[in-house]
Amino acid sequence: MASSDNIYTARQQYVLLILCLIGLATLILIGLGSYITAFLGAGILYVVLRPWFTALVHRRGWHPQLVTTGLLTFAFVVIILPFTALTLMLVSRIRAYAQDTSQIMAVLHKIEQKTGYALTTEQNVRSLVQQSVSWLSQRIPSLASGLLHFAVVIGLMLFTLYFMYTQEAGFLRGLRRYLPFRPNTLHELGDSLKNNVQANVIGQALISLVQALLSGLTLWIFGVPDALFWGVVSFFMAFIPVLGTPLVWGPAAIIKLSQGYTGQGVGILLVGVIVIMNIDNLLRILLARRIGNIHPLITLAGVVLGVEIFGILGLVLGPLLLSYFIVLIRVFERENRIRRRRLPTRPQ
């Protein structure tokens, strides 16, 4: 048999093959960078809606494509459309405030009259507001990034989710085959993913919705202009631990107090501190089985990381990715410890 003319050894070929795979995967990720949220969103929706798919298809024997179509319709009408409407409303109002800073200056002048201190000039306020709006616009998926791009992201997410359900057996088999983990570790990672999705998506979204409704209603009752808009802002702020909705109703109370409406300002503060802040803890107790125990520091760091990378969707994706990263570190630590025990002890 003629010898091979290849200059690489078997081990070098193996290493180069891995490097080629990593290089191609990197190029693919770079090419799909602007659409990566579509695949991550599909994965989240898959975990959220899978109990319904399992109950209807595997237990009751319904047709998979029929159930998948129903779940996609539900996700689009109940989840995607409302979230899109909230986002677009937030963008339009932020732009309105950026173009006309007279309302902000009127509030500042009132505070200056009450305190006797000059806070800033109109030029500085206008510059600060415009810079803030520019930063937010880059991180909010809206008309600023183009309707076509936004439609492609939504379509790609639903398209991916469709095949994840209709070809579920092959999808799960591929995960077990290509992920570099033992069966027990895969089971643990699956449970961790489900728990983290329930904590950061289902539980936190429900808590944020309740706090937003209470915040918007409180502001409306006490005569704060644009109460609906600030209620929408409260929904997004509620994802941020510790700070959250006080970033909305706190300044509203201060503005009311500075304008001489002491009763309304005190009322907003009392409702905010007694009801809106404590409803968070009450709901977490009621949803303890669904939410799980995630440290606030992980959530806060995840929000900062996620918003910077994924925009406003990072409020959900950031804590989820950071939590899963910590889980993978723990798995690596355990696997490494098991491997060390299995290695033969070298003689001294």
Foldseek 3Di string as FASTA:
>chain_A
DDDDPDPDDPVRVVVVVVVVVVVVVVVVCVVCQLQVVLQVLLVLLCLVCVVVLCCCCVPVNDDQLVVLVVSLVCCVPPPVVVVQVLLALLLVVLVVCLVDVPVVVVLQVLLCVVPVDRDDDPVVVSVVSVVVSVLQLVQGPHCSVPPVSVVVSSVSNSVVNSCCRNVVVVVVVVCCVPPPDDPVLVVVLVVLLSLLSLQLPVLQLVLLLVLLVLQLVLCVVLPNPPSVSLSSVLSLQSLQPPPGSCVRLVVVLVSCVSVVNPVSSVSSVCCCVPPSVVVSVVSCVVCVVRNDDDDSVLLNQQLVVQSVRNGSCSSRVRSSVSSSVVVVVVVVVVVVVVVVVPDDDDDD
